[in-house]
N, C-alpha and C. Protein backbone atom coordinates (compact mmCIF):
# COMPACT_ATOMS: atom_id res chain seq x y z
N UNK A 1 0.76 -1.16 0.09
CA UNK A 1 -0.11 -0.08 0.06
C UNK A 1 0.97 1.16 0.09
N UNK A 2 0.48 2.22 -0.70
CA UNK A 2 1.34 3.44 -0.71
C UNK A 2 1.24 4.27 0.61
N UNK A 3 2.38 4.56 0.83
CA UNK A 3 2.70 5.51 2.14
C UNK A 3 2.73 6.96 1.71
N UNK A 4 1.99 7.84 2.28
CA UNK A 4 1.84 9.10 1.75
C UNK A 4 1.87 10.07 2.93
N UNK A 5 2.24 11.56 2.60
CA UNK A 5 1.83 12.56 3.56
C UNK A 5 0.76 13.31 3.30
N UNK A 6 0.02 13.83 4.12
CA UNK A 6 -1.21 14.61 3.93
C UNK A 6 -0.76 15.95 3.56
N UNK A 7 -1.23 16.49 2.50
CA UNK A 7 -0.56 17.82 2.18
C UNK A 7 -1.42 18.86 2.98
N UNK A 8 -2.32 18.52 3.53
CA UNK A 8 -3.26 19.41 4.33
C UNK A 8 -2.61 19.83 5.60
N UNK A 9 -2.37 18.48 6.49
CA UNK A 9 -2.05 18.53 7.89
C UNK A 9 -0.58 18.07 8.14
N UNK A 10 0.03 17.27 7.01
CA UNK A 10 1.35 16.68 7.44
C UNK A 10 1.38 15.21 7.79
N UNK A 11 0.28 14.77 8.33
CA UNK A 11 0.10 13.36 8.86
C UNK A 11 0.59 12.40 7.87
N UNK A 12 0.99 11.27 8.35
CA UNK A 12 1.28 10.16 7.56
C UNK A 12 -0.09 9.44 7.36
N UNK A 13 -0.11 8.88 6.00
CA UNK A 13 -1.49 8.16 5.68
C UNK A 13 -1.28 7.14 4.52
N UNK A 14 -2.11 6.38 4.28
CA UNK A 14 -1.97 5.40 3.08
C UNK A 14 -2.72 5.96 2.01
N UNK A 15 -2.09 5.88 0.78
CA UNK A 15 -2.92 6.37 -0.26
C UNK A 15 -2.69 7.77 -0.51
N UNK A 16 -2.28 8.29 -1.82
CA UNK A 16 -2.19 9.71 -2.20
C UNK A 16 -3.49 10.45 -2.18
N UNK A 17 -4.40 9.95 -2.63
CA UNK A 17 -5.74 10.76 -2.85
C UNK A 17 -6.85 10.33 -1.65
N UNK A 18 -6.56 9.49 -0.68
CA UNK A 18 -7.38 9.26 0.27
C UNK A 18 -7.63 10.45 1.29
N UNK A 19 -8.66 10.04 1.92
CA UNK A 19 -9.03 10.94 3.04
C UNK A 19 -8.00 10.86 4.15
N UNK A 20 -7.65 11.87 4.81
CA UNK A 20 -6.45 11.77 5.96
C UNK A 20 -7.32 11.59 7.20
N UNK A 21 -7.04 10.57 7.75
CA UNK A 21 -7.69 10.35 9.09
C UNK A 21 -7.56 11.25 10.21
N UNK A 22 -6.37 12.10 10.21
CA UNK A 22 -6.07 13.10 11.18
C UNK A 22 -6.99 14.30 10.89
N UNK A 23 -7.03 14.85 9.89
CA UNK A 23 -7.63 16.11 9.53
C UNK A 23 -9.01 16.06 8.78
N UNK A 24 -9.40 14.72 8.28
CA UNK A 24 -10.51 14.53 7.64
C UNK A 24 -10.66 15.21 6.24
N UNK A 25 -9.59 15.51 5.68
CA UNK A 25 -9.52 16.16 4.42
C UNK A 25 -9.07 15.31 3.15
N UNK A 26 -9.38 15.73 2.08
CA UNK A 26 -9.18 14.98 0.74
C UNK A 26 -8.19 16.23 -0.06
N UNK A 27 -7.21 15.76 -0.64
CA UNK A 27 -6.55 16.83 -1.74
C UNK A 27 -7.70 17.22 -2.63
N UNK A 28 -7.89 18.43 -2.82
CA UNK A 28 -8.83 18.93 -3.68
C UNK A 28 -8.30 19.60 -4.91
N UNK A 29 -7.20 20.50 -4.79
CA UNK A 29 -6.93 21.41 -5.83
C UNK A 29 -5.93 20.78 -6.75
N UNK A 30 -5.62 21.08 -7.96
CA UNK A 30 -4.42 20.64 -8.75
C UNK A 30 -3.18 20.50 -7.95
N UNK A 31 -2.85 21.57 -7.26
CA UNK A 31 -1.67 21.52 -6.64
C UNK A 31 -1.55 20.60 -5.47
N UNK A 32 -2.62 20.48 -4.83
CA UNK A 32 -2.68 19.46 -3.68
C UNK A 32 -2.58 18.15 -4.20
N UNK A 33 -3.17 17.79 -5.38
CA UNK A 33 -3.28 16.34 -5.90
C UNK A 33 -1.87 16.17 -6.52
N UNK A 34 -1.20 17.12 -7.01
CA UNK A 34 0.10 16.85 -7.50
C UNK A 34 1.17 16.61 -6.40
N UNK A 35 1.06 17.36 -5.28
CA UNK A 35 2.01 17.15 -4.29
C UNK A 35 1.46 16.02 -3.39
N UNK A 36 0.19 15.60 -3.34
CA UNK A 36 -0.15 14.28 -2.76
C UNK A 36 0.32 12.99 -3.46
N UNK A 37 0.72 13.21 -4.57
CA UNK A 37 1.38 12.16 -5.40
C UNK A 37 2.82 12.17 -5.25
N UNK A 38 3.37 13.17 -5.26
CA UNK A 38 4.94 13.44 -5.05
C UNK A 38 5.37 13.10 -3.80
N UNK A 39 4.51 13.19 -2.59
CA UNK A 39 4.75 13.02 -1.21
C UNK A 39 4.38 11.58 -0.84
N UNK A 40 4.74 10.57 -1.92
CA UNK A 40 4.30 9.18 -1.64
C UNK A 40 5.69 8.27 -1.60
N UNK A 41 5.57 7.17 -1.34
CA UNK A 41 6.85 6.33 -1.44
C UNK A 41 6.99 5.92 -2.82
N UNK A 42 6.28 6.24 -3.66
CA UNK A 42 6.59 5.94 -5.12
C UNK A 42 7.68 6.75 -5.55
N UNK A 43 7.86 7.99 -5.01
CA UNK A 43 8.92 9.07 -5.37
C UNK A 43 9.91 9.39 -4.45
N UNK A 44 9.52 9.19 -3.28
CA UNK A 44 10.48 9.60 -2.13
C UNK A 44 10.65 8.44 -1.04
N UNK A 45 11.73 8.35 -0.55
CA UNK A 45 11.96 7.29 0.45
C UNK A 45 11.02 7.47 1.81
N UNK A 46 10.84 6.47 2.49
CA UNK A 46 9.88 6.69 3.70
C UNK A 46 10.61 7.54 4.60
N UNK A 47 11.88 7.53 4.84
CA UNK A 47 12.70 8.54 5.77
C UNK A 47 12.32 10.03 5.29
N UNK A 48 12.45 10.19 4.07
CA UNK A 48 12.18 11.67 3.59
C UNK A 48 10.70 11.85 3.82
N UNK A 49 9.91 10.85 3.54
CA UNK A 49 8.34 11.34 3.97
C UNK A 49 8.20 11.45 5.49
N UNK A 50 8.76 10.78 6.25
CA UNK A 50 8.71 11.11 7.70
C UNK A 50 9.35 12.51 8.16
N UNK A 51 10.39 12.91 7.29
CA UNK A 51 10.93 14.31 7.68
C UNK A 51 9.90 15.38 7.23
N UNK A 52 9.39 15.09 5.91
CA UNK A 52 8.33 16.06 5.60
C UNK A 52 7.13 16.18 6.68
N UNK A 53 6.67 15.05 7.06
CA UNK A 53 5.52 14.95 7.86
C UNK A 53 5.84 15.83 9.12
N UNK A 54 7.00 15.45 9.83
CA UNK A 54 7.47 16.07 11.01
C UNK A 54 7.53 17.52 10.85
N UNK A 55 8.21 18.02 9.80
CA UNK A 55 8.30 19.34 9.41
C UNK A 55 6.96 20.20 9.58
N UNK A 56 6.11 19.37 8.76
CA UNK A 56 4.71 20.07 8.66
C UNK A 56 3.91 20.18 9.87
N UNK A 57 4.09 18.76 10.68
CA UNK A 57 3.46 18.68 12.04
C UNK A 57 4.03 19.91 13.01
N UNK A 58 5.17 20.29 12.86
CA UNK A 58 5.76 21.23 13.61
C UNK A 58 5.40 22.66 13.23
N UNK A 59 4.73 22.72 12.17
CA UNK A 59 4.17 24.16 11.83
C UNK A 59 4.85 24.67 10.52
N UNK A 60 5.61 23.84 9.89
CA UNK A 60 6.30 24.50 8.65
C UNK A 60 5.11 24.34 7.39
N UNK A 61 5.51 25.01 6.43
CA UNK A 61 4.48 25.07 5.25
C UNK A 61 4.84 23.64 4.44
N UNK A 62 3.85 23.26 3.65
CA UNK A 62 4.16 22.23 2.72
C UNK A 62 5.28 22.65 2.00
N UNK A 63 6.50 21.66 1.93
CA UNK A 63 7.61 21.94 1.13
C UNK A 63 7.24 21.95 -0.54
N UNK A 64 7.86 22.65 -1.25
CA UNK A 64 7.68 22.75 -2.70
C UNK A 64 8.86 22.07 -3.33
N UNK A 65 8.58 21.72 -4.57
CA UNK A 65 9.70 21.06 -5.33
C UNK A 65 10.22 22.37 -6.19
N UNK A 66 11.51 22.13 -6.66
CA UNK A 66 12.09 23.04 -7.50
C UNK A 66 11.18 23.35 -8.66
N UNK A 67 11.20 24.58 -9.27
CA UNK A 67 10.29 24.76 -10.35
C UNK A 67 10.26 23.85 -11.56
N UNK A 68 11.50 23.37 -11.92
CA UNK A 68 11.80 22.49 -12.99
C UNK A 68 11.23 21.12 -12.72
N UNK A 69 11.37 20.68 -11.50
CA UNK A 69 10.81 19.38 -11.05
C UNK A 69 9.32 19.46 -10.99
N UNK A 70 8.72 20.37 -10.50
CA UNK A 70 7.27 20.53 -10.48
C UNK A 70 6.73 20.70 -11.74
N UNK A 71 7.47 21.10 -12.74
CA UNK A 71 6.91 21.36 -14.13
C UNK A 71 6.92 19.94 -14.88
N UNK A 72 8.00 19.11 -14.43
CA UNK A 72 7.97 17.82 -15.05
C UNK A 72 6.81 16.91 -14.47
N UNK A 73 6.53 17.02 -13.20
CA UNK A 73 5.35 16.49 -12.70
C UNK A 73 4.09 16.82 -13.28
N UNK A 74 3.96 18.21 -13.49
CA UNK A 74 2.67 18.66 -14.33
C UNK A 74 2.55 17.97 -15.63
N UNK A 75 3.66 18.06 -16.24
CA UNK A 75 3.85 17.60 -17.53
C UNK A 75 3.35 15.94 -17.51
N UNK A 76 3.95 15.30 -16.67
CA UNK A 76 3.55 13.85 -16.71
C UNK A 76 2.02 13.69 -16.40
N UNK A 77 1.29 14.55 -15.58
CA UNK A 77 0.04 14.44 -15.30
C UNK A 77 -0.72 14.68 -16.67
N UNK A 78 -0.31 15.69 -17.56
CA UNK A 78 -0.93 16.05 -18.78
C UNK A 78 -0.74 14.99 -19.70
N UNK A 79 0.46 14.40 -19.65
CA UNK A 79 0.94 13.38 -20.70
C UNK A 79 1.37 11.93 -19.66
N UNK A 80 0.51 11.18 -19.42
CA UNK A 80 0.93 10.19 -18.54
C UNK A 80 1.99 9.24 -18.85
N UNK A 81 2.47 9.31 -20.29
CA UNK A 81 3.50 8.54 -20.63
C UNK A 81 4.90 9.04 -20.44
N UNK A 82 4.90 10.37 -19.91
CA UNK A 82 6.18 11.10 -19.74
C UNK A 82 6.46 10.77 -18.28
N UNK A 83 7.74 10.07 -18.16
CA UNK A 83 8.09 9.98 -16.70
C UNK A 83 8.38 11.28 -15.70
N UNK A 84 8.12 11.00 -14.38
CA UNK A 84 8.49 12.36 -13.70
C UNK A 84 9.31 11.71 -12.51
N UNK A 85 10.16 12.52 -12.01
CA UNK A 85 11.07 11.93 -10.94
C UNK A 85 11.45 13.05 -10.15
N UNK A 86 12.01 12.84 -8.76
CA UNK A 86 12.42 13.86 -8.03
C UNK A 86 14.00 13.48 -7.72
N UNK A 87 14.79 14.40 -7.09
CA UNK A 87 16.11 14.01 -6.98
C UNK A 87 16.24 13.19 -5.72
N UNK A 88 15.23 12.81 -5.08
CA UNK A 88 15.40 11.80 -3.93
C UNK A 88 14.53 10.68 -4.43
N UNK A 89 14.29 10.31 -5.53
CA UNK A 89 13.41 9.26 -6.04
C UNK A 89 14.04 8.05 -5.38
N UNK A 90 13.05 7.08 -4.92
CA UNK A 90 13.39 5.78 -4.50
C UNK A 90 14.33 5.00 -5.25
N UNK A 91 15.15 4.25 -4.82
CA UNK A 91 16.22 3.32 -5.49
C UNK A 91 15.48 2.08 -5.94
């Protein structure tokens, strides 16, 4: 099952687009859906996801990808055959 970080509250959850049990919210906007997918163990290590989660739970805003990586993810959503990756992609 996919391990993810809730883009609304920072809690760890299962599934990118699932309701967060901690805040009872779903990702709604295009940006929230994009980052909901990025913040999964499909693209980041579980250790990195835990870091992001803890940072957000401590009050930090949701981190953003560098603009070029964010654009690659947006392109891959528009054209699903185009692969996207992050600098910390799982090995």
